[in-house]
Amino acid sequence: QVQLVESGGELVQAGGSLRLSCAASGRTFSSYVMGWFRQAPGKEREFVAAISWSGGTTYYADSVKGRFTLSRDNAKNTVYLQMSSLKPEDTAVYYCAARGSGLPLSRRREAYTYWGQGTQVTVSS
């Protein structure tokens, strides 16, 4: 069982930056693929980024590539989503997710087993 708690979401102006954190419980955190998804009002939850257990491989959605950076610190059981050059269309609830031990990276929401409660990011124009 893995519990995930996101933090760092807030109101920011367009062009600004934020860093989201996701703290995980569980001794096997370092073996999990971790992902971030987001959901804007009236829209489906969409993939943002994912990172391998070692941190050596990352995937990004085209909409955030070059602006967002995903990293992890396995010693702290935490993943970080650094977001820069934020746009109003980045406004959403951001969710952290974990995929079972030993499985490959995925952009599919259905591939992730554990989810956090989400943190709100609002980008004003």
N, C-alpha and C. Protein backbone atom coordinates (compact mmCIF):
# COMPACT_ATOMS: atom_id res chain seq x y z
N GLN A 1 0.84 -1.19 0.00
CA GLN A 1 0.00 0.00 0.00
C GLN A 1 0.88 1.24 0.00
N VAL A 2 0.52 2.21 -0.82
CA VAL A 2 1.26 3.47 -0.91
C VAL A 2 0.27 4.61 -0.70
N GLN A 3 0.63 5.53 0.14
CA GLN A 3 -0.18 6.75 0.31
C GLN A 3 0.60 7.94 -0.23
N LEU A 4 -0.10 8.78 -0.96
CA LEU A 4 0.53 9.91 -1.63
C LEU A 4 -0.12 11.22 -1.18
N VAL A 5 0.72 12.21 -0.89
CA VAL A 5 0.21 13.51 -0.46
C VAL A 5 0.91 14.59 -1.28
N GLU A 6 0.10 15.32 -2.05
CA GLU A 6 0.64 16.40 -2.87
C GLU A 6 0.63 17.71 -2.09
N SER A 7 1.54 18.60 -2.49
CA SER A 7 1.57 19.95 -1.92
C SER A 7 2.22 20.89 -2.92
N GLY A 8 2.04 22.19 -2.68
CA GLY A 8 2.72 23.19 -3.49
C GLY A 8 1.82 23.94 -4.45
N GLY A 9 0.60 23.50 -4.61
CA GLY A 9 -0.29 24.21 -5.52
C GLY A 9 -0.74 25.54 -4.95
N GLU A 10 -0.87 26.54 -5.82
CA GLU A 10 -1.33 27.85 -5.38
C GLU A 10 -1.69 28.69 -6.59
N LEU A 11 -2.07 29.92 -6.35
CA LEU A 11 -2.37 30.88 -7.41
C LEU A 11 -1.07 31.56 -7.84
N VAL A 12 -0.84 31.59 -9.14
CA VAL A 12 0.37 32.20 -9.67
C VAL A 12 0.02 32.93 -10.96
N GLN A 13 0.78 33.95 -11.29
CA GLN A 13 0.55 34.69 -12.52
C GLN A 13 1.15 33.95 -13.71
N ALA A 14 0.59 34.19 -14.86
CA ALA A 14 1.12 33.61 -16.09
C ALA A 14 2.59 33.99 -16.24
N GLY A 15 3.39 33.01 -16.66
CA GLY A 15 4.81 33.22 -16.78
C GLY A 15 5.59 32.86 -15.53
N GLY A 16 4.89 32.62 -14.46
CA GLY A 16 5.54 32.29 -13.20
C GLY A 16 5.90 30.82 -13.09
N SER A 17 6.39 30.47 -11.90
CA SER A 17 6.85 29.10 -11.64
C SER A 17 6.28 28.58 -10.34
N LEU A 18 6.17 27.26 -10.26
CA LEU A 18 5.75 26.58 -9.05
C LEU A 18 6.47 25.24 -8.99
N ARG A 19 6.66 24.74 -7.77
CA ARG A 19 7.15 23.39 -7.62
C ARG A 19 6.16 22.60 -6.78
N LEU A 20 5.64 21.55 -7.38
CA LEU A 20 4.76 20.64 -6.66
C LEU A 20 5.58 19.49 -6.09
N SER A 21 5.16 19.05 -4.92
CA SER A 21 5.80 17.91 -4.28
C SER A 21 4.77 16.82 -4.04
N CYS A 22 5.25 15.59 -4.05
CA CYS A 22 4.40 14.45 -3.73
C CYS A 22 5.19 13.56 -2.78
N ALA A 23 4.73 13.51 -1.54
CA ALA A 23 5.39 12.68 -0.54
C ALA A 23 4.67 11.34 -0.45
N ALA A 24 5.45 10.28 -0.46
CA ALA A 24 4.89 8.93 -0.45
C ALA A 24 5.27 8.17 0.80
N SER A 25 4.36 7.36 1.25
CA SER A 25 4.66 6.45 2.35
C SER A 25 5.02 5.10 1.76
N GLY A 26 5.63 4.25 2.55
CA GLY A 26 5.93 2.91 2.07
C GLY A 26 7.41 2.70 1.80
N ARG A 27 7.87 1.52 2.13
CA ARG A 27 9.30 1.24 2.01
C ARG A 27 9.72 0.93 0.59
N THR A 28 8.76 0.67 -0.31
CA THR A 28 9.11 0.28 -1.67
C THR A 28 8.97 1.43 -2.66
N PHE A 29 8.93 2.65 -2.15
CA PHE A 29 8.75 3.82 -3.02
C PHE A 29 9.75 3.83 -4.15
N SER A 30 10.99 3.50 -3.86
CA SER A 30 12.05 3.61 -4.86
C SER A 30 11.85 2.66 -6.04
N SER A 31 10.96 1.70 -5.93
CA SER A 31 10.72 0.77 -7.03
C SER A 31 9.50 1.14 -7.87
N TYR A 32 8.80 2.21 -7.49
CA TYR A 32 7.57 2.59 -8.18
C TYR A 32 7.83 3.62 -9.28
N VAL A 33 7.15 3.43 -10.39
CA VAL A 33 7.03 4.49 -11.38
C VAL A 33 6.07 5.53 -10.81
N MET A 34 6.44 6.79 -10.94
CA MET A 34 5.60 7.87 -10.43
C MET A 34 5.14 8.76 -11.58
N GLY A 35 3.92 9.23 -11.45
CA GLY A 35 3.38 10.08 -12.51
C GLY A 35 2.61 11.26 -11.94
N TRP A 36 2.42 12.26 -12.78
CA TRP A 36 1.56 13.40 -12.46
C TRP A 36 0.50 13.51 -13.56
N PHE A 37 -0.71 13.75 -13.12
CA PHE A 37 -1.82 13.98 -14.01
C PHE A 37 -2.50 15.27 -13.56
N ARG A 38 -3.35 15.82 -14.42
CA ARG A 38 -4.09 17.00 -14.04
C ARG A 38 -5.50 16.95 -14.60
N GLN A 39 -6.38 17.64 -13.92
CA GLN A 39 -7.77 17.69 -14.36
C GLN A 39 -8.31 19.09 -14.20
N ALA A 40 -8.68 19.67 -15.33
CA ALA A 40 -9.30 21.00 -15.34
C ALA A 40 -10.82 20.83 -15.26
N PRO A 41 -11.52 21.85 -14.81
CA PRO A 41 -12.99 21.76 -14.71
C PRO A 41 -13.63 21.37 -16.02
N GLY A 42 -14.49 20.37 -15.97
CA GLY A 42 -15.20 19.94 -17.16
C GLY A 42 -14.39 19.11 -18.13
N LYS A 43 -13.17 18.76 -17.75
CA LYS A 43 -12.31 17.98 -18.64
C LYS A 43 -11.88 16.68 -17.97
N GLU A 44 -11.41 15.76 -18.80
CA GLU A 44 -10.93 14.50 -18.26
C GLU A 44 -9.54 14.69 -17.66
N ARG A 45 -9.21 13.77 -16.75
CA ARG A 45 -7.87 13.80 -16.17
C ARG A 45 -6.87 13.41 -17.26
N GLU A 46 -5.80 14.21 -17.38
CA GLU A 46 -4.84 13.98 -18.44
C GLU A 46 -3.42 13.81 -17.90
N PHE A 47 -2.64 13.08 -18.65
CA PHE A 47 -1.25 12.82 -18.30
C PHE A 47 -0.43 14.10 -18.40
N VAL A 48 0.49 14.26 -17.44
CA VAL A 48 1.42 15.39 -17.46
C VAL A 48 2.86 14.89 -17.61
N ALA A 49 3.26 13.99 -16.70
CA ALA A 49 4.65 13.52 -16.72
C ALA A 49 4.77 12.24 -15.91
N ALA A 50 5.81 11.47 -16.21
CA ALA A 50 6.09 10.25 -15.45
C ALA A 50 7.59 10.07 -15.35
N ILE A 51 8.01 9.36 -14.30
CA ILE A 51 9.43 9.15 -14.07
C ILE A 51 9.67 7.72 -13.62
N SER A 52 10.76 7.14 -14.10
CA SER A 52 11.10 5.76 -13.75
C SER A 52 11.56 5.68 -12.30
N TRP A 53 11.70 4.44 -11.82
CA TRP A 53 12.07 4.25 -10.42
C TRP A 53 13.42 4.88 -10.10
N SER A 54 14.33 4.87 -11.07
CA SER A 54 15.67 5.41 -10.83
C SER A 54 15.75 6.90 -11.10
N GLY A 55 14.75 7.42 -11.77
CA GLY A 55 14.80 8.82 -12.17
C GLY A 55 15.51 9.03 -13.50
N GLY A 56 15.98 7.95 -14.09
CA GLY A 56 16.76 8.07 -15.31
C GLY A 56 15.96 8.28 -16.58
N THR A 57 14.68 7.97 -16.52
CA THR A 57 13.82 8.13 -17.68
C THR A 57 12.58 8.93 -17.30
N THR A 58 12.23 9.88 -18.15
CA THR A 58 11.03 10.67 -17.92
C THR A 58 10.22 10.78 -19.21
N TYR A 59 8.92 10.86 -19.03
CA TYR A 59 8.01 11.13 -20.14
C TYR A 59 7.28 12.44 -19.82
N TYR A 60 6.96 13.19 -20.86
CA TYR A 60 6.19 14.42 -20.67
C TYR A 60 5.09 14.51 -21.74
N ALA A 61 4.00 15.12 -21.36
CA ALA A 61 2.99 15.48 -22.35
C ALA A 61 3.56 16.58 -23.24
N ASP A 62 3.15 16.59 -24.49
CA ASP A 62 3.66 17.61 -25.41
C ASP A 62 3.35 19.02 -24.92
N SER A 63 2.24 19.16 -24.23
CA SER A 63 1.81 20.49 -23.78
C SER A 63 2.70 21.08 -22.70
N VAL A 64 3.50 20.24 -22.03
CA VAL A 64 4.34 20.75 -20.94
C VAL A 64 5.83 20.56 -21.21
N LYS A 65 6.14 19.86 -22.28
CA LYS A 65 7.55 19.57 -22.59
C LYS A 65 8.33 20.87 -22.73
N GLY A 66 9.47 20.92 -22.08
CA GLY A 66 10.30 22.11 -22.12
C GLY A 66 9.97 23.13 -21.05
N ARG A 67 8.84 22.96 -20.38
CA ARG A 67 8.44 23.89 -19.32
C ARG A 67 8.40 23.21 -17.95
N PHE A 68 8.07 21.93 -17.92
CA PHE A 68 7.97 21.18 -16.67
C PHE A 68 9.13 20.20 -16.57
N THR A 69 9.59 19.98 -15.35
CA THR A 69 10.64 19.00 -15.09
C THR A 69 10.24 18.15 -13.90
N LEU A 70 10.27 16.84 -14.11
CA LEU A 70 9.92 15.89 -13.06
C LEU A 70 11.18 15.24 -12.52
N SER A 71 11.29 15.18 -11.21
CA SER A 71 12.45 14.55 -10.59
C SER A 71 12.00 13.81 -9.34
N ARG A 72 12.88 13.01 -8.78
CA ARG A 72 12.53 12.27 -7.56
C ARG A 72 13.73 12.16 -6.66
N ASP A 73 13.44 12.06 -5.37
CA ASP A 73 14.47 11.84 -4.36
C ASP A 73 14.04 10.60 -3.58
N ASN A 74 14.59 9.47 -3.93
CA ASN A 74 14.15 8.22 -3.30
C ASN A 74 14.51 8.17 -1.81
N ALA A 75 15.53 8.88 -1.42
CA ALA A 75 15.90 8.91 0.00
C ALA A 75 14.84 9.64 0.83
N LYS A 76 14.10 10.55 0.18
CA LYS A 76 13.06 11.31 0.87
C LYS A 76 11.66 10.84 0.49
N ASN A 77 11.57 9.80 -0.32
CA ASN A 77 10.26 9.30 -0.76
C ASN A 77 9.41 10.41 -1.38
N THR A 78 10.02 11.22 -2.20
CA THR A 78 9.33 12.39 -2.74
C THR A 78 9.63 12.58 -4.22
N VAL A 79 8.61 12.99 -4.96
CA VAL A 79 8.81 13.41 -6.34
C VAL A 79 8.46 14.88 -6.44
N TYR A 80 9.10 15.54 -7.38
CA TYR A 80 8.93 16.98 -7.55
C TYR A 80 8.57 17.28 -9.00
N LEU A 81 7.59 18.16 -9.17
CA LEU A 81 7.24 18.63 -10.49
C LEU A 81 7.52 20.13 -10.53
N GLN A 82 8.61 20.49 -11.17
CA GLN A 82 8.97 21.90 -11.32
C GLN A 82 8.29 22.43 -12.56
N MET A 83 7.48 23.46 -12.37
CA MET A 83 6.70 24.02 -13.47
C MET A 83 7.14 25.46 -13.70
N SER A 84 7.46 25.79 -14.93
CA SER A 84 7.85 27.15 -15.25
C SER A 84 7.10 27.63 -16.48
N SER A 85 7.21 28.91 -16.76
CA SER A 85 6.50 29.52 -17.89
C SER A 85 5.03 29.10 -17.89
N LEU A 86 4.42 29.19 -16.73
CA LEU A 86 3.05 28.72 -16.57
C LEU A 86 2.07 29.55 -17.39
N LYS A 87 1.06 28.85 -17.90
CA LYS A 87 0.04 29.46 -18.73
C LYS A 87 -1.33 29.27 -18.07
N PRO A 88 -2.29 30.11 -18.39
CA PRO A 88 -3.64 29.93 -17.83
C PRO A 88 -4.20 28.53 -18.11
N GLU A 89 -3.85 27.95 -19.23
CA GLU A 89 -4.34 26.61 -19.56
C GLU A 89 -3.71 25.51 -18.71
N ASP A 90 -2.73 25.84 -17.90
CA ASP A 90 -2.17 24.88 -16.95
C ASP A 90 -3.02 24.80 -15.67
N THR A 91 -4.01 25.65 -15.56
CA THR A 91 -4.88 25.64 -14.39
C THR A 91 -5.63 24.32 -14.29
N ALA A 92 -5.48 23.66 -13.13
CA ALA A 92 -6.09 22.35 -12.94
C ALA A 92 -5.78 21.87 -11.53
N VAL A 93 -6.44 20.79 -11.15
CA VAL A 93 -6.02 20.05 -9.97
C VAL A 93 -4.97 19.04 -10.44
N TYR A 94 -3.84 19.04 -9.77
CA TYR A 94 -2.73 18.17 -10.14
C TYR A 94 -2.68 16.98 -9.17
N TYR A 95 -2.61 15.78 -9.75
CA TYR A 95 -2.61 14.55 -8.97
C TYR A 95 -1.31 13.80 -9.16
N CYS A 96 -0.80 13.30 -8.07
CA CYS A 96 0.35 12.41 -8.08
C CYS A 96 -0.16 10.97 -8.11
N ALA A 97 0.55 10.10 -8.83
CA ALA A 97 0.11 8.71 -8.93
C ALA A 97 1.32 7.79 -8.92
N ALA A 98 1.10 6.57 -8.44
CA ALA A 98 2.17 5.57 -8.38
C ALA A 98 1.75 4.31 -9.11
N ARG A 99 2.71 3.74 -9.80
CA ARG A 99 2.49 2.50 -10.54
C ARG A 99 3.32 1.41 -9.90
N GLY A 100 2.76 0.21 -9.88
CA GLY A 100 3.34 -0.90 -9.15
C GLY A 100 4.80 -1.20 -9.43
N SER A 101 5.41 -1.81 -8.48
CA SER A 101 6.83 -2.12 -8.51
C SER A 101 7.21 -2.91 -9.75
N GLY A 102 8.27 -2.46 -10.41
CA GLY A 102 8.82 -3.21 -11.53
C GLY A 102 8.13 -3.00 -12.86
N LEU A 103 7.09 -2.18 -12.91
CA LEU A 103 6.36 -1.97 -14.16
C LEU A 103 6.96 -0.81 -14.95
N PRO A 104 6.78 -0.79 -16.27
CA PRO A 104 7.37 0.29 -17.07
C PRO A 104 6.58 1.60 -16.97
N LEU A 105 7.17 2.66 -17.47
CA LEU A 105 6.49 3.95 -17.49
C LEU A 105 5.24 3.86 -18.35
N SER A 106 4.27 4.70 -18.02
CA SER A 106 3.04 4.72 -18.79
C SER A 106 2.44 6.12 -18.77
N ARG A 107 1.78 6.46 -19.86
CA ARG A 107 1.04 7.72 -19.93
C ARG A 107 -0.45 7.49 -19.66
N ARG A 108 -0.83 6.25 -19.48
CA ARG A 108 -2.24 5.91 -19.30
C ARG A 108 -2.65 6.04 -17.85
N ARG A 109 -3.74 6.74 -17.63
CA ARG A 109 -4.28 6.92 -16.28
C ARG A 109 -4.59 5.57 -15.64
N GLU A 110 -5.11 4.65 -16.44
CA GLU A 110 -5.53 3.35 -15.91
C GLU A 110 -4.36 2.50 -15.43
N ALA A 111 -3.16 2.87 -15.82
CA ALA A 111 -1.99 2.07 -15.44
C ALA A 111 -1.53 2.34 -14.01
N TYR A 112 -2.05 3.38 -13.39
CA TYR A 112 -1.60 3.77 -12.05
C TYR A 112 -2.58 3.30 -10.99
N THR A 113 -2.01 2.75 -9.93
CA THR A 113 -2.81 2.13 -8.89
C THR A 113 -3.14 3.07 -7.73
N TYR A 114 -2.17 3.86 -7.35
CA TYR A 114 -2.31 4.71 -6.16
C TYR A 114 -2.36 6.17 -6.58
N TRP A 115 -3.24 6.92 -5.91
CA TRP A 115 -3.46 8.32 -6.25
C TRP A 115 -3.50 9.17 -4.99
N GLY A 116 -2.99 10.40 -5.13
CA GLY A 116 -3.14 11.38 -4.06
C GLY A 116 -4.46 12.10 -4.20
N GLN A 117 -4.69 13.04 -3.28
CA GLN A 117 -5.95 13.79 -3.26
C GLN A 117 -5.93 15.00 -4.19
N GLY A 118 -4.77 15.39 -4.63
CA GLY A 118 -4.68 16.49 -5.57
C GLY A 118 -4.34 17.82 -4.92
N THR A 119 -3.74 18.70 -5.70
CA THR A 119 -3.42 20.05 -5.25
C THR A 119 -3.79 21.02 -6.38
N GLN A 120 -4.43 22.12 -6.01
CA GLN A 120 -4.95 23.06 -7.01
C GLN A 120 -3.86 24.01 -7.47
N VAL A 121 -3.72 24.11 -8.78
CA VAL A 121 -2.85 25.10 -9.40
C VAL A 121 -3.72 26.03 -10.24
N THR A 122 -3.62 27.31 -9.96
CA THR A 122 -4.39 28.30 -10.70
C THR A 122 -3.43 29.32 -11.29
N VAL A 123 -3.49 29.50 -12.59
CA VAL A 123 -2.61 30.45 -13.27
C VAL A 123 -3.48 31.58 -13.82
N SER A 124 -3.22 32.77 -13.33
CA SER A 124 -4.01 33.92 -13.76
C SER A 124 -3.34 34.61 -14.94
N SER A 125 -4.15 35.18 -15.81
CA SER A 125 -3.61 35.84 -17.00
C SER A 125 -3.35 37.31 -16.75
